Amino acid sequence: MLLKDIRDATHQIVTDRLWFNYTLGFLRLGELLKGDEVNFMARVATYEKGLWMQRQQDVHLCRPTRVQRVVPNVERAGLPVDNHPALIGYIMCANETFYKTNGRPFVSFYVQAFHQWQRQKSVGQV
């Protein structure tokens, strides 16, 4: 996921954007939408980027903990946290246009797993 306007605990901008894995802490918040604000703790780590002869050190955040939405009582659709095929199906459905316009495989097995999870959830079986 892409996070924007990353700030530290003193509210100072650390970076304008950061690509981050959609880890379990974020998944447990339910569906996140553009504009949602989240708080979390994370470790700062270094990595190398760039072409082989022009490598540069950069920093990134990893291992997020204490993940919470800034406006905590907003009801959002739950996500299939414990059902990996359904989670992949959710990701595919949420990004269907991207998958199809970029020739990425839109796999019906995963999409069906997500729709089945939704149906089970609606009748209280999940």
N, C-alpha and C. Protein backbone atom coordinates (compact mmCIF):
# COMPACT_ATOMS: atom_id res chain seq x y z
N MET A 1 0.85 -1.17 0.00
CA MET A 1 0.00 0.00 0.00
C MET A 1 0.89 1.23 0.00
N LEU A 2 0.35 2.32 -0.48
CA LEU A 2 1.10 3.57 -0.53
C LEU A 2 0.60 4.47 0.60
N LEU A 3 1.51 4.86 1.48
CA LEU A 3 1.18 5.82 2.53
C LEU A 3 1.80 7.15 2.14
N LYS A 4 1.08 8.23 2.40
CA LYS A 4 1.57 9.56 2.04
C LYS A 4 1.71 10.43 3.28
N ASP A 5 2.57 11.42 3.18
CA ASP A 5 2.80 12.40 4.24
C ASP A 5 3.09 11.72 5.58
N ILE A 6 4.15 10.92 5.61
CA ILE A 6 4.55 10.19 6.80
C ILE A 6 5.15 11.18 7.79
N ARG A 7 4.59 11.17 9.01
CA ARG A 7 5.05 12.08 10.05
C ARG A 7 5.54 11.29 11.25
N ASP A 8 6.49 11.88 11.98
CA ASP A 8 6.96 11.23 13.20
C ASP A 8 6.08 11.64 14.38
N ALA A 9 6.47 11.22 15.57
CA ALA A 9 5.66 11.48 16.78
C ALA A 9 5.51 12.97 17.08
N THR A 10 6.41 13.81 16.54
CA THR A 10 6.31 15.26 16.76
C THR A 10 5.56 15.95 15.63
N HIS A 11 4.97 15.16 14.73
CA HIS A 11 4.18 15.63 13.58
C HIS A 11 5.02 16.29 12.49
N GLN A 12 6.33 16.06 12.50
CA GLN A 12 7.19 16.56 11.44
C GLN A 12 7.15 15.57 10.27
N ILE A 13 7.10 16.10 9.04
CA ILE A 13 7.11 15.25 7.85
C ILE A 13 8.45 14.53 7.76
N VAL A 14 8.38 13.19 7.65
CA VAL A 14 9.57 12.37 7.48
C VAL A 14 9.81 12.11 5.99
N THR A 15 8.74 11.80 5.28
CA THR A 15 8.82 11.59 3.84
C THR A 15 7.44 11.84 3.23
N ASP A 16 7.40 12.16 1.95
CA ASP A 16 6.12 12.45 1.31
C ASP A 16 5.36 11.19 0.93
N ARG A 17 6.09 10.06 0.79
CA ARG A 17 5.40 8.81 0.45
C ARG A 17 6.24 7.63 0.90
N LEU A 18 5.55 6.51 1.09
CA LEU A 18 6.22 5.30 1.53
C LEU A 18 5.39 4.10 1.12
N TRP A 19 5.99 3.19 0.39
CA TRP A 19 5.32 1.94 0.05
C TRP A 19 5.49 1.00 1.23
N PHE A 20 4.41 0.36 1.63
CA PHE A 20 4.42 -0.45 2.83
C PHE A 20 3.64 -1.72 2.59
N ASN A 21 4.10 -2.83 3.15
CA ASN A 21 3.34 -4.08 3.05
C ASN A 21 2.05 -3.97 3.86
N TYR A 22 1.00 -4.55 3.32
CA TYR A 22 -0.31 -4.55 3.97
C TYR A 22 -0.29 -5.68 5.01
N THR A 23 0.37 -5.45 6.13
CA THR A 23 0.59 -6.47 7.14
C THR A 23 -0.67 -6.73 7.96
N LEU A 24 -0.60 -7.74 8.81
CA LEU A 24 -1.75 -8.16 9.61
C LEU A 24 -2.33 -7.02 10.44
N GLY A 25 -1.49 -6.18 11.00
CA GLY A 25 -1.98 -5.05 11.79
C GLY A 25 -2.88 -4.13 10.98
N PHE A 26 -2.52 -3.88 9.73
CA PHE A 26 -3.34 -3.05 8.85
C PHE A 26 -4.59 -3.81 8.42
N LEU A 27 -4.45 -5.10 8.12
CA LEU A 27 -5.60 -5.90 7.71
C LEU A 27 -6.69 -5.93 8.79
N ARG A 28 -6.29 -5.99 10.03
CA ARG A 28 -7.25 -6.05 11.12
C ARG A 28 -8.09 -4.78 11.26
N LEU A 29 -7.65 -3.68 10.65
CA LEU A 29 -8.44 -2.45 10.67
C LEU A 29 -9.64 -2.53 9.75
N GLY A 30 -9.67 -3.54 8.89
CA GLY A 30 -10.70 -3.61 7.87
C GLY A 30 -10.22 -2.85 6.64
N GLU A 31 -11.12 -2.66 5.71
CA GLU A 31 -10.75 -2.01 4.46
C GLU A 31 -10.28 -0.59 4.70
N LEU A 32 -9.10 -0.26 4.22
CA LEU A 32 -8.58 1.10 4.29
C LEU A 32 -8.87 1.79 2.96
N LEU A 33 -9.30 3.03 3.05
CA LEU A 33 -9.63 3.79 1.85
C LEU A 33 -8.72 5.00 1.72
N LYS A 34 -8.61 5.51 0.50
CA LYS A 34 -7.81 6.70 0.24
C LYS A 34 -8.27 7.81 1.18
N GLY A 35 -7.32 8.43 1.87
CA GLY A 35 -7.63 9.51 2.80
C GLY A 35 -7.67 9.07 4.26
N ASP A 36 -7.75 7.76 4.51
CA ASP A 36 -7.70 7.28 5.90
C ASP A 36 -6.36 7.65 6.52
N GLU A 37 -6.38 7.96 7.79
CA GLU A 37 -5.14 8.23 8.52
C GLU A 37 -4.92 7.11 9.52
N VAL A 38 -3.68 6.65 9.61
CA VAL A 38 -3.33 5.58 10.54
C VAL A 38 -2.12 5.99 11.37
N ASN A 39 -2.06 5.45 12.57
CA ASN A 39 -0.90 5.60 13.44
C ASN A 39 -0.29 4.24 13.64
N PHE A 40 1.03 4.17 13.74
CA PHE A 40 1.70 2.92 14.05
C PHE A 40 3.12 3.21 14.50
N MET A 41 3.70 2.24 15.16
CA MET A 41 5.11 2.27 15.52
C MET A 41 5.83 1.39 14.50
N ALA A 42 7.06 1.75 14.15
CA ALA A 42 7.82 0.93 13.19
C ALA A 42 9.30 1.11 13.43
N ARG A 43 10.05 0.14 12.97
CA ARG A 43 11.50 0.24 13.03
C ARG A 43 12.00 0.93 11.77
N VAL A 44 13.10 1.63 11.89
CA VAL A 44 13.74 2.25 10.74
C VAL A 44 14.91 1.35 10.35
N ALA A 45 14.97 1.01 9.07
CA ALA A 45 16.04 0.16 8.56
C ALA A 45 16.62 0.78 7.29
N THR A 46 17.82 0.40 6.96
CA THR A 46 18.45 0.91 5.74
C THR A 46 18.43 -0.17 4.66
N TYR A 47 18.49 0.29 3.45
CA TYR A 47 18.60 -0.61 2.29
C TYR A 47 19.32 0.13 1.18
N GLU A 48 19.78 -0.62 0.20
CA GLU A 48 20.45 -0.02 -0.94
C GLU A 48 19.51 0.02 -2.12
N LYS A 49 19.56 1.11 -2.86
CA LYS A 49 18.72 1.24 -4.05
C LYS A 49 19.56 1.78 -5.19
N GLY A 50 19.00 1.66 -6.39
CA GLY A 50 19.68 2.20 -7.55
C GLY A 50 20.42 1.14 -8.34
N LEU A 51 21.04 1.56 -9.42
CA LEU A 51 21.80 0.67 -10.28
C LEU A 51 23.07 0.18 -9.58
N TRP A 52 23.58 -0.94 -10.02
CA TRP A 52 24.69 -1.61 -9.35
C TRP A 52 25.86 -0.67 -9.04
N MET A 53 26.32 0.08 -9.99
CA MET A 53 27.49 0.95 -9.78
C MET A 53 27.11 2.30 -9.16
N GLN A 54 25.83 2.55 -9.00
CA GLN A 54 25.37 3.83 -8.44
C GLN A 54 24.48 3.60 -7.22
N ARG A 55 24.79 2.57 -6.42
CA ARG A 55 23.96 2.22 -5.27
C ARG A 55 23.97 3.36 -4.26
N GLN A 56 22.80 3.59 -3.65
CA GLN A 56 22.65 4.61 -2.61
C GLN A 56 21.98 3.98 -1.40
N GLN A 57 22.36 4.43 -0.24
CA GLN A 57 21.70 4.01 0.99
C GLN A 57 20.42 4.82 1.15
N ASP A 58 19.37 4.15 1.57
CA ASP A 58 18.12 4.83 1.86
C ASP A 58 17.51 4.17 3.09
N VAL A 59 16.48 4.77 3.64
CA VAL A 59 15.83 4.21 4.82
C VAL A 59 14.38 3.86 4.50
N HIS A 60 13.85 2.91 5.24
CA HIS A 60 12.45 2.57 5.12
C HIS A 60 11.96 2.12 6.49
N LEU A 61 10.66 2.03 6.62
CA LEU A 61 10.06 1.57 7.87
C LEU A 61 9.68 0.11 7.73
N CYS A 62 9.80 -0.66 8.80
CA CYS A 62 9.43 -2.06 8.77
C CYS A 62 8.90 -2.48 10.14
N ARG A 63 8.26 -3.64 10.17
CA ARG A 63 7.71 -4.24 11.37
C ARG A 63 6.75 -3.31 12.13
N PRO A 64 5.68 -2.92 11.47
CA PRO A 64 4.75 -2.01 12.15
C PRO A 64 4.03 -2.71 13.31
N THR A 65 3.85 -1.98 14.39
CA THR A 65 3.10 -2.46 15.55
C THR A 65 2.15 -1.36 16.00
N ARG A 66 1.22 -1.71 16.87
CA ARG A 66 0.25 -0.75 17.41
C ARG A 66 -0.47 0.03 16.31
N VAL A 67 -0.86 -0.68 15.27
CA VAL A 67 -1.51 -0.05 14.12
C VAL A 67 -2.95 0.31 14.51
N GLN A 68 -3.33 1.54 14.28
CA GLN A 68 -4.70 1.98 14.56
C GLN A 68 -5.10 3.10 13.61
N ARG A 69 -6.40 3.16 13.35
CA ARG A 69 -6.94 4.22 12.52
C ARG A 69 -7.09 5.46 13.39
N VAL A 70 -6.79 6.64 12.85
CA VAL A 70 -6.90 7.89 13.60
C VAL A 70 -8.34 8.14 14.04
N VAL A 71 -9.30 7.85 13.16
CA VAL A 71 -10.72 7.94 13.52
C VAL A 71 -11.18 6.50 13.74
N PRO A 72 -11.08 5.99 14.99
CA PRO A 72 -11.22 4.55 15.22
C PRO A 72 -12.62 3.98 15.07
N ASN A 73 -13.66 4.74 15.21
CA ASN A 73 -15.01 4.19 15.20
C ASN A 73 -15.67 4.17 13.84
N VAL A 74 -14.89 4.34 12.79
CA VAL A 74 -15.42 4.30 11.43
C VAL A 74 -15.65 2.84 11.06
N GLU A 75 -16.88 2.50 10.70
CA GLU A 75 -17.20 1.13 10.30
C GLU A 75 -16.69 0.87 8.89
N ARG A 76 -15.95 -0.20 8.74
CA ARG A 76 -15.44 -0.58 7.44
C ARG A 76 -15.67 -2.06 7.23
N ALA A 77 -15.72 -2.44 5.98
CA ALA A 77 -15.86 -3.86 5.66
C ALA A 77 -14.65 -4.61 6.19
N GLY A 78 -14.90 -5.76 6.82
CA GLY A 78 -13.82 -6.60 7.30
C GLY A 78 -13.08 -7.24 6.14
N LEU A 79 -11.91 -7.75 6.42
CA LEU A 79 -11.11 -8.40 5.40
C LEU A 79 -10.84 -9.84 5.82
N PRO A 80 -10.64 -10.73 4.85
CA PRO A 80 -10.40 -12.14 5.16
C PRO A 80 -8.98 -12.38 5.68
N VAL A 81 -8.74 -11.95 6.89
CA VAL A 81 -7.41 -12.00 7.49
C VAL A 81 -6.86 -13.43 7.55
N ASP A 82 -7.70 -14.40 7.88
CA ASP A 82 -7.23 -15.78 8.07
C ASP A 82 -7.51 -16.69 6.87
N ASN A 83 -7.82 -16.12 5.72
CA ASN A 83 -8.14 -16.91 4.54
C ASN A 83 -7.32 -16.35 3.37
N HIS A 84 -6.16 -16.93 3.16
CA HIS A 84 -5.22 -16.39 2.17
C HIS A 84 -5.79 -16.31 0.75
N PRO A 85 -6.44 -17.37 0.23
CA PRO A 85 -7.01 -17.25 -1.12
C PRO A 85 -8.06 -16.14 -1.21
N ALA A 86 -8.90 -16.00 -0.19
CA ALA A 86 -9.92 -14.95 -0.19
C ALA A 86 -9.28 -13.57 -0.11
N LEU A 87 -8.18 -13.45 0.63
CA LEU A 87 -7.48 -12.17 0.72
C LEU A 87 -6.90 -11.77 -0.64
N ILE A 88 -6.31 -12.73 -1.33
CA ILE A 88 -5.80 -12.44 -2.67
C ILE A 88 -6.95 -12.04 -3.59
N GLY A 89 -8.09 -12.73 -3.45
CA GLY A 89 -9.27 -12.37 -4.23
C GLY A 89 -9.75 -10.97 -3.93
N TYR A 90 -9.72 -10.57 -2.65
CA TYR A 90 -10.09 -9.19 -2.29
C TYR A 90 -9.17 -8.20 -2.99
N ILE A 91 -7.87 -8.46 -2.95
CA ILE A 91 -6.90 -7.57 -3.58
C ILE A 91 -7.16 -7.47 -5.07
N MET A 92 -7.45 -8.59 -5.69
CA MET A 92 -7.74 -8.58 -7.13
C MET A 92 -9.01 -7.79 -7.43
N CYS A 93 -10.07 -8.02 -6.64
CA CYS A 93 -11.33 -7.31 -6.87
C CYS A 93 -11.18 -5.81 -6.64
N ALA A 94 -10.44 -5.44 -5.60
CA ALA A 94 -10.25 -4.02 -5.28
C ALA A 94 -9.43 -3.31 -6.36
N ASN A 95 -8.62 -4.07 -7.09
CA ASN A 95 -7.74 -3.49 -8.11
C ASN A 95 -8.02 -4.09 -9.49
N GLU A 96 -9.26 -4.46 -9.74
CA GLU A 96 -9.62 -5.16 -10.98
C GLU A 96 -9.21 -4.38 -12.23
N THR A 97 -9.46 -3.11 -12.27
CA THR A 97 -9.11 -2.31 -13.44
C THR A 97 -7.61 -2.36 -13.70
N PHE A 98 -6.82 -2.22 -12.65
CA PHE A 98 -5.37 -2.28 -12.79
C PHE A 98 -4.94 -3.62 -13.35
N TYR A 99 -5.48 -4.70 -12.76
CA TYR A 99 -5.11 -6.04 -13.23
C TYR A 99 -5.43 -6.21 -14.71
N LYS A 100 -6.61 -5.82 -15.11
CA LYS A 100 -7.05 -6.08 -16.48
C LYS A 100 -6.38 -5.16 -17.49
N THR A 101 -6.16 -3.90 -17.16
CA THR A 101 -5.54 -2.98 -18.13
C THR A 101 -4.04 -3.21 -18.26
N ASN A 102 -3.43 -3.88 -17.29
CA ASN A 102 -2.00 -4.13 -17.34
C ASN A 102 -1.66 -5.58 -17.66
N GLY A 103 -2.67 -6.33 -18.09
CA GLY A 103 -2.43 -7.71 -18.49
C GLY A 103 -2.03 -8.63 -17.35
N ARG A 104 -2.36 -8.24 -16.13
CA ARG A 104 -2.06 -9.10 -14.98
C ARG A 104 -3.12 -10.18 -14.87
N PRO A 105 -2.76 -11.37 -14.40
CA PRO A 105 -3.76 -12.43 -14.29
C PRO A 105 -4.82 -12.11 -13.24
N PHE A 106 -6.06 -12.17 -13.65
CA PHE A 106 -7.21 -11.96 -12.76
C PHE A 106 -7.80 -13.36 -12.57
N VAL A 107 -7.37 -14.04 -11.51
CA VAL A 107 -7.58 -15.47 -11.33
C VAL A 107 -8.94 -15.73 -10.66
N SER A 108 -9.80 -16.43 -11.38
CA SER A 108 -11.16 -16.66 -10.88
C SER A 108 -11.18 -17.48 -9.60
N PHE A 109 -10.21 -18.37 -9.39
CA PHE A 109 -10.16 -19.15 -8.14
C PHE A 109 -10.12 -18.23 -6.93
N TYR A 110 -9.27 -17.21 -6.97
CA TYR A 110 -9.13 -16.29 -5.85
C TYR A 110 -10.34 -15.38 -5.71
N VAL A 111 -10.83 -14.90 -6.83
CA VAL A 111 -12.01 -14.03 -6.81
C VAL A 111 -13.21 -14.80 -6.24
N GLN A 112 -13.39 -16.04 -6.65
CA GLN A 112 -14.48 -16.86 -6.12
C GLN A 112 -14.30 -17.13 -4.64
N ALA A 113 -13.06 -17.35 -4.19
CA ALA A 113 -12.79 -17.57 -2.77
C ALA A 113 -13.20 -16.34 -1.96
N PHE A 114 -12.92 -15.15 -2.50
CA PHE A 114 -13.32 -13.92 -1.81
C PHE A 114 -14.84 -13.78 -1.77
N HIS A 115 -15.51 -14.02 -2.88
CA HIS A 115 -16.98 -13.91 -2.91
C HIS A 115 -17.63 -14.94 -1.98
N GLN A 116 -17.06 -16.13 -1.92
CA GLN A 116 -17.59 -17.15 -1.00
C GLN A 116 -17.39 -16.69 0.45
N TRP A 117 -16.23 -16.12 0.76
CA TRP A 117 -15.96 -15.60 2.10
C TRP A 117 -16.98 -14.50 2.45
N GLN A 118 -17.27 -13.61 1.49
CA GLN A 118 -18.26 -12.56 1.71
C GLN A 118 -19.63 -13.14 2.03
N ARG A 119 -20.03 -14.15 1.26
CA ARG A 119 -21.34 -14.78 1.49
C ARG A 119 -21.40 -15.43 2.87
N GLN A 120 -20.35 -16.13 3.25
CA GLN A 120 -20.31 -16.77 4.56
C GLN A 120 -20.35 -15.72 5.68
N LYS A 121 -19.66 -14.63 5.46
CA LYS A 121 -19.62 -13.55 6.45
C LYS A 121 -21.01 -12.94 6.61
N SER A 122 -21.74 -12.79 5.51
CA SER A 122 -23.06 -12.16 5.57
C SER A 122 -24.08 -13.00 6.33
N VAL A 123 -23.85 -14.31 6.38
CA VAL A 123 -24.76 -15.17 7.15
C VAL A 123 -24.16 -15.56 8.50
N GLY A 124 -23.03 -14.92 8.87
CA GLY A 124 -22.44 -15.11 10.18
C GLY A 124 -21.61 -16.37 10.36
N GLN A 125 -21.06 -16.92 9.28
CA GLN A 125 -20.27 -18.14 9.39
C GLN A 125 -18.77 -17.87 9.46
N VAL A 126 -18.34 -16.64 9.29
CA VAL A 126 -16.90 -16.35 9.31
C VAL A 126 -16.57 -15.69 10.62
